Amino acid sequence: MDNLHLQLNDDLYKNIATQTKISVSTEEAKQKVTNAVERYRDGTGTYTTLNPKHVEEMNKYIESI
């Protein structure tokens, strides 16, 4: 198992923590992947095209944190 350690600004962490469930169980993670694969296979998934400008903006934002 690999570990990921992040250092976040307190305000950013509080914002993320209040909007997002940070940890999931192994079973929940497996179910999420299974559901995603099923949506992909049956063509019901919705996907966002990669926008190079958005990627550049996000990279700049991440670097500024």
PDB file of N, CA and C in Angstrom:
ATOM      1  N   MET A   1       0.845  -1.173   0.000  1.00  0.00           N
ATOM      2  CA  MET A   1       0.000   0.000   0.000  1.00  0.00           C
ATOM      3  C   MET A   1       0.891   1.237   0.000  1.00  0.00           C
ATOM      4  N   ASP A   2       0.514   2.218  -0.816  1.00  0.00           N
ATOM      5  CA  ASP A   2       1.230   3.480  -0.858  1.00  0.00           C
ATOM      6  C   ASP A   2       0.496   4.512  -0.015  1.00  0.00           C
ATOM      7  N   ASN A   3       1.239   5.442   0.529  1.00  0.00           N
ATOM      8  CA  ASN A   3       0.646   6.534   1.295  1.00  0.00           C
ATOM      9  C   ASN A   3       0.877   7.839   0.566  1.00  0.00           C
ATOM     10  N   LEU A   4      -0.086   8.714   0.684  1.00  0.00           N
ATOM     11  CA  LEU A   4       0.005  10.036   0.091  1.00  0.00           C
ATOM     12  C   LEU A   4      -0.167  11.043   1.219  1.00  0.00           C
ATOM     13  N   HIS A   5       0.791  11.918   1.399  1.00  0.00           N
ATOM     14  CA  HIS A   5       0.735  12.944   2.436  1.00  0.00           C
ATOM     15  C   HIS A   5       0.664  14.309   1.758  1.00  0.00           C
ATOM     16  N   LEU A   6      -0.356  15.064   2.119  1.00  0.00           N
ATOM     17  CA  LEU A   6      -0.543  16.384   1.544  1.00  0.00           C
ATOM     18  C   LEU A   6      -0.489  17.438   2.632  1.00  0.00           C
ATOM     19  N   GLN A   7       0.047  18.565   2.294  1.00  0.00           N
ATOM     20  CA  GLN A   7      -0.001  19.717   3.187  1.00  0.00           C
ATOM     21  C   GLN A   7      -0.870  20.757   2.504  1.00  0.00           C
ATOM     22  N   LEU A   8      -1.989  21.089   3.149  1.00  0.00           N
ATOM     23  CA  LEU A   8      -2.935  22.037   2.576  1.00  0.00           C
ATOM     24  C   LEU A   8      -3.105  23.235   3.483  1.00  0.00           C
ATOM     25  N   ASN A   9      -3.330  24.368   2.883  1.00  0.00           N
ATOM     26  CA  ASN A   9      -3.701  25.552   3.627  1.00  0.00           C
ATOM     27  C   ASN A   9      -4.945  25.208   4.453  1.00  0.00           C
ATOM     28  N   ASP A  10      -5.027  25.679   5.699  1.00  0.00           N
ATOM     29  CA  ASP A  10      -6.149  25.337   6.580  1.00  0.00           C
ATOM     30  C   ASP A  10      -7.494  25.679   5.955  1.00  0.00           C
ATOM     31  N   ASP A  11      -7.597  26.847   5.323  1.00  0.00           N
ATOM     32  CA  ASP A  11      -8.868  27.238   4.719  1.00  0.00           C
ATOM     33  C   ASP A  11      -9.259  26.308   3.578  1.00  0.00           C
ATOM     34  N   LEU A  12      -8.287  25.917   2.780  1.00  0.00           N
ATOM     35  CA  LEU A  12      -8.563  25.006   1.677  1.00  0.00           C
ATOM     36  C   LEU A  12      -9.016  23.654   2.206  1.00  0.00           C
ATOM     37  N   TYR A  13      -8.335  23.151   3.228  1.00  0.00           N
ATOM     38  CA  TYR A  13      -8.707  21.870   3.807  1.00  0.00           C
ATOM     39  C   TYR A  13     -10.134  21.911   4.355  1.00  0.00           C
ATOM     40  N   LYS A  14     -10.465  22.981   5.099  1.00  0.00           N
ATOM     41  CA  LYS A  14     -11.808  23.094   5.675  1.00  0.00           C
ATOM     42  C   LYS A  14     -12.862  23.136   4.571  1.00  0.00           C
ATOM     43  N   ASN A  15     -12.559  23.836   3.499  1.00  0.00           N
ATOM     44  CA  ASN A  15     -13.481  23.919   2.382  1.00  0.00           C
ATOM     45  C   ASN A  15     -13.693  22.545   1.746  1.00  0.00           C
ATOM     46  N   ILE A  16     -12.623  21.830   1.498  1.00  0.00           N
ATOM     47  CA  ILE A  16     -12.718  20.501   0.897  1.00  0.00           C
ATOM     48  C   ILE A  16     -13.424  19.537   1.846  1.00  0.00           C
ATOM     49  N   ALA A  17     -13.049  19.567   3.107  1.00  0.00           N
ATOM     50  CA  ALA A  17     -13.608  18.638   4.089  1.00  0.00           C
ATOM     51  C   ALA A  17     -15.110  18.823   4.261  1.00  0.00           C
ATOM     52  N   THR A  18     -15.589  20.030   4.150  1.00  0.00           N
ATOM     53  CA  THR A  18     -17.028  20.255   4.327  1.00  0.00           C
ATOM     54  C   THR A  18     -17.816  19.893   3.081  1.00  0.00           C
ATOM     55  N   GLN A  19     -17.165  19.821   1.928  1.00  0.00           N
ATOM     56  CA  GLN A  19     -17.866  19.534   0.687  1.00  0.00           C
ATOM     57  C   GLN A  19     -17.687  18.094   0.211  1.00  0.00           C
ATOM     58  N   THR A  20     -16.696  17.422   0.711  1.00  0.00           N
ATOM     59  CA  THR A  20     -16.322  16.135   0.152  1.00  0.00           C
ATOM     60  C   THR A  20     -16.082  15.109   1.251  1.00  0.00           C
ATOM     61  N   LYS A  21     -16.513  13.882   0.966  1.00  0.00           N
ATOM     62  CA  LYS A  21     -16.168  12.799   1.865  1.00  0.00           C
ATOM     63  C   LYS A  21     -14.730  12.418   1.533  1.00  0.00           C
ATOM     64  N   ILE A  22     -13.820  12.543   2.494  1.00  0.00           N
ATOM     65  CA  ILE A  22     -12.394  12.375   2.225  1.00  0.00           C
ATOM     66  C   ILE A  22     -12.005  10.898   2.095  1.00  0.00           C
ATOM     67  N   SER A  23     -12.521  10.041   2.955  1.00  0.00           N
ATOM     68  CA  SER A  23     -12.097   8.645   2.902  1.00  0.00           C
ATOM     69  C   SER A  23     -13.281   7.742   2.581  1.00  0.00           C
ATOM     70  N   VAL A  24     -12.974   6.659   1.907  1.00  0.00           N
ATOM     71  CA  VAL A  24     -13.990   5.661   1.579  1.00  0.00           C
ATOM     72  C   VAL A  24     -13.452   4.291   1.965  1.00  0.00           C
ATOM     73  N   SER A  25     -14.366   3.386   2.255  1.00  0.00           N
ATOM     74  CA  SER A  25     -13.950   2.026   2.575  1.00  0.00           C
ATOM     75  C   SER A  25     -13.512   1.316   1.297  1.00  0.00           C
ATOM     76  N   THR A  26     -12.810   0.226   1.462  1.00  0.00           N
ATOM     77  CA  THR A  26     -12.377  -0.561   0.309  1.00  0.00           C
ATOM     78  C   THR A  26     -13.576  -1.042  -0.484  1.00  0.00           C
ATOM     79  N   GLU A  27     -14.604  -1.500   0.213  1.00  0.00           N
ATOM     80  CA  GLU A  27     -15.804  -1.990  -0.471  1.00  0.00           C
ATOM     81  C   GLU A  27     -16.495  -0.873  -1.251  1.00  0.00           C
ATOM     82  N   GLU A  28     -16.571   0.311  -0.649  1.00  0.00           N
ATOM     83  CA  GLU A  28     -17.196   1.444  -1.337  1.00  0.00           C
ATOM     84  C   GLU A  28     -16.385   1.821  -2.573  1.00  0.00           C
ATOM     85  N   ALA A  29     -15.072   1.809  -2.451  1.00  0.00           N
ATOM     86  CA  ALA A  29     -14.214   2.131  -3.594  1.00  0.00           C
ATOM     87  C   ALA A  29     -14.405   1.117  -4.722  1.00  0.00           C
ATOM     88  N   LYS A  30     -14.458  -0.165  -4.366  1.00  0.00           N
ATOM     89  CA  LYS A  30     -14.664  -1.213  -5.374  1.00  0.00           C
ATOM     90  C   LYS A  30     -16.001  -1.024  -6.070  1.00  0.00           C
ATOM     91  N   GLN A  31     -17.045  -0.686  -5.303  1.00  0.00           N
ATOM     92  CA  GLN A  31     -18.366  -0.494  -5.891  1.00  0.00           C
ATOM     93  C   GLN A  31     -18.380   0.710  -6.830  1.00  0.00           C
ATOM     94  N   LYS A  32     -17.685   1.783  -6.434  1.00  0.00           N
ATOM     95  CA  LYS A  32     -17.616   2.968  -7.294  1.00  0.00           C
ATOM     96  C   LYS A  32     -16.932   2.631  -8.628  1.00  0.00           C
ATOM     97  N   VAL A  33     -15.863   1.863  -8.580  1.00  0.00           N
ATOM     98  CA  VAL A  33     -15.162   1.471  -9.803  1.00  0.00           C
ATOM     99  C   VAL A  33     -16.044   0.567 -10.653  1.00  0.00           C
ATOM    100  N   THR A  34     -16.691  -0.400 -10.015  1.00  0.00           N
ATOM    101  CA  THR A  34     -17.590  -1.300 -10.734  1.00  0.00           C
ATOM    102  C   THR A  34     -18.693  -0.516 -11.437  1.00  0.00           C
ATOM    103  N   ASN A  35     -19.300   0.430 -10.725  1.00  0.00           N
ATOM    104  CA  ASN A  35     -20.359   1.251 -11.318  1.00  0.00           C
ATOM    105  C   ASN A  35     -19.842   2.070 -12.496  1.00  0.00           C
ATOM    106  N   ALA A  36     -18.649   2.627 -12.359  1.00  0.00           N
ATOM    107  CA  ALA A  36     -18.065   3.427 -13.438  1.00  0.00           C
ATOM    108  C   ALA A  36     -17.799   2.567 -14.670  1.00  0.00           C
ATOM    109  N   VAL A  37     -17.284   1.368 -14.462  1.00  0.00           N
ATOM    110  CA  VAL A  37     -17.015   0.456 -15.587  1.00  0.00           C
ATOM    111  C   VAL A  37     -18.326   0.087 -16.269  1.00  0.00           C
ATOM    112  N   GLU A  38     -19.373  -0.185 -15.497  1.00  0.00           N
ATOM    113  CA  GLU A  38     -20.676  -0.532 -16.077  1.00  0.00           C
ATOM    114  C   GLU A  38     -21.239   0.636 -16.897  1.00  0.00           C
ATOM    115  N   ARG A  39     -21.115   1.870 -16.378  1.00  0.00           N
ATOM    116  CA  ARG A  39     -21.584   3.039 -17.140  1.00  0.00           C
ATOM    117  C   ARG A  39     -20.799   3.181 -18.440  1.00  0.00           C
ATOM    118  N   TYR A  40     -19.500   2.921 -18.387  1.00  0.00           N
ATOM    119  CA  TYR A  40     -18.664   3.008 -19.586  1.00  0.00           C
ATOM    120  C   TYR A  40     -19.096   1.959 -20.605  1.00  0.00           C
ATOM    121  N   ARG A  41     -19.282   0.734 -20.142  1.00  0.00           N
ATOM    122  CA  ARG A  41     -19.630  -0.372 -21.047  1.00  0.00           C
ATOM    123  C   ARG A  41     -20.998  -0.205 -21.686  1.00  0.00           C
ATOM    124  N   ASP A  42     -21.977   0.266 -20.904  1.00  0.00           N
ATOM    125  CA  ASP A  42     -23.317   0.389 -21.482  1.00  0.00           C
ATOM    126  C   ASP A  42     -23.580   1.752 -22.124  1.00  0.00           C
ATOM    127  N   GLY A  43     -22.565   2.620 -22.111  1.00  0.00           N
ATOM    128  CA  GLY A  43     -22.668   3.896 -22.804  1.00  0.00           C
ATOM    129  C   GLY A  43     -23.502   4.947 -22.098  1.00  0.00           C
ATOM    130  N   THR A  44     -23.767   4.762 -20.808  1.00  0.00           N
ATOM    131  CA  THR A  44     -24.585   5.736 -20.084  1.00  0.00           C
ATOM    132  C   THR A  44     -23.753   6.747 -19.313  1.00  0.00           C
ATOM    133  N   GLY A  45     -22.452   6.608 -19.320  1.00  0.00           N
ATOM    134  CA  GLY A  45     -21.596   7.549 -18.597  1.00  0.00           C
ATOM    135  C   GLY A  45     -21.535   8.887 -19.321  1.00  0.00           C
ATOM    136  N   THR A  46     -21.311   9.940 -18.548  1.00  0.00           N
ATOM    137  CA  THR A  46     -21.100  11.252 -19.158  1.00  0.00           C
ATOM    138  C   THR A  46     -19.652  11.651 -18.885  1.00  0.00           C
ATOM    139  N   TYR A  47     -19.017  12.179 -19.899  1.00  0.00           N
ATOM    140  CA  TYR A  47     -17.603  12.482 -19.800  1.00  0.00           C
ATOM    141  C   TYR A  47     -17.338  13.900 -20.272  1.00  0.00           C
ATOM    142  N   THR A  48     -16.321  14.498 -19.721  1.00  0.00           N
ATOM    143  CA  THR A  48     -15.919  15.841 -20.087  1.00  0.00           C
ATOM    144  C   THR A  48     -14.682  15.757 -20.965  1.00  0.00           C
ATOM    145  N   THR A  49     -14.722  16.471 -22.063  1.00  0.00           N
ATOM    146  CA  THR A  49     -13.543  16.467 -22.930  1.00  0.00           C
ATOM    147  C   THR A  49     -12.424  17.245 -22.257  1.00  0.00           C
ATOM    148  N   LEU A  50     -11.215  16.858 -22.553  1.00  0.00           N
ATOM    149  CA  LEU A  50     -10.043  17.513 -21.973  1.00  0.00           C
ATOM    150  C   LEU A  50      -9.834  18.849 -22.653  1.00  0.00           C
ATOM    151  N   ASN A  51      -9.853  19.897 -21.859  1.00  0.00           N
ATOM    152  CA  ASN A  51      -9.663  21.248 -22.362  1.00  0.00           C
ATOM    153  C   ASN A  51      -8.265  21.703 -21.942  1.00  0.00           C
ATOM    154  N   PRO A  52      -7.340  21.832 -22.898  1.00  0.00           N
ATOM    155  CA  PRO A  52      -5.959  22.205 -22.552  1.00  0.00           C
ATOM    156  C   PRO A  52      -5.862  23.501 -21.744  1.00  0.00           C
ATOM    157  N   LYS A  53      -6.726  24.472 -22.030  1.00  0.00           N
ATOM    158  CA  LYS A  53      -6.690  25.733 -21.291  1.00  0.00           C
ATOM    159  C   LYS A  53      -7.069  25.496 -19.825  1.00  0.00           C
ATOM    160  N   HIS A  54      -8.052  24.657 -19.600  1.00  0.00           N
ATOM    161  CA  HIS A  54      -8.452  24.346 -18.228  1.00  0.00           C
ATOM    162  C   HIS A  54      -7.321  23.630 -17.487  1.00  0.00           C
ATOM    163  N   VAL A  55      -6.675  22.703 -18.163  1.00  0.00           N
ATOM    164  CA  VAL A  55      -5.552  21.975 -17.546  1.00  0.00           C
ATOM    165  C   VAL A  55      -4.456  22.959 -17.159  1.00  0.00           C
ATOM    166  N   GLU A  56      -4.154  23.887 -18.034  1.00  0.00           N
ATOM    167  CA  GLU A  56      -3.122  24.887 -17.744  1.00  0.00           C
ATOM    168  C   GLU A  56      -3.517  25.749 -16.541  1.00  0.00           C
ATOM    169  N   GLU A  57      -4.786  26.168 -16.488  1.00  0.00           N
ATOM    170  CA  GLU A  57      -5.270  26.972 -15.368  1.00  0.00           C
ATOM    171  C   GLU A  57      -5.177  26.188 -14.052  1.00  0.00           C
ATOM    172  N   MET A  58      -5.548  24.926 -14.080  1.00  0.00           N
ATOM    173  CA  MET A  58      -5.494  24.100 -12.877  1.00  0.00           C
ATOM    174  C   MET A  58      -4.055  23.889 -12.433  1.00  0.00           C
ATOM    175  N   ASN A  59      -3.150  23.671 -13.364  1.00  0.00           N
ATOM    176  CA  ASN A  59      -1.744  23.505 -13.003  1.00  0.00           C
ATOM    177  C   ASN A  59      -1.188  24.763 -12.346  1.00  0.00           C
ATOM    178  N   LYS A  60      -1.547  25.928 -12.874  1.00  0.00           N
ATOM    179  CA  LYS A  60      -1.107  27.185 -12.275  1.00  0.00           C
ATOM    180  C   LYS A  60      -1.679  27.340 -10.874  1.00  0.00           C
ATOM    181  N   TYR A  61      -2.950  26.981 -10.706  1.00  0.00           N
ATOM    182  CA  TYR A  61      -3.584  27.086  -9.398  1.00  0.00           C
ATOM    183  C   TYR A  61      -2.900  26.160  -8.394  1.00  0.00           C
ATOM    184  N   ILE A  62      -2.646  24.923  -8.795  1.00  0.00           N
ATOM    185  CA  ILE A  62      -2.006  23.946  -7.908  1.00  0.00           C
ATOM    186  C   ILE A  62      -0.618  24.429  -7.507  1.00  0.00           C
ATOM    187  N   GLU A  63       0.138  24.965  -8.459  1.00  0.00           N
ATOM    188  CA  GLU A  63       1.472  25.467  -8.166  1.00  0.00           C
ATOM    189  C   GLU A  63       1.430  26.649  -7.202  1.00  0.00           C
ATOM    190  N   SER A  64       0.339  27.395  -7.228  1.00  0.00           N
ATOM    191  CA  SER A  64       0.245  28.584  -6.361  1.00  0.00           C
ATOM    192  C   SER A  64      -0.129  28.252  -4.923  1.00  0.00           C
ATOM    193  N   ILE A  65      -0.588  27.047  -4.698  1.00  0.00           N
ATOM    194  CA  ILE A  65      -1.015  26.657  -3.341  1.00  0.00           C
ATOM    195  C   ILE A  65       0.175  26.456  -2.438  1.00  0.00           C
TER     196      ILE A  65
END
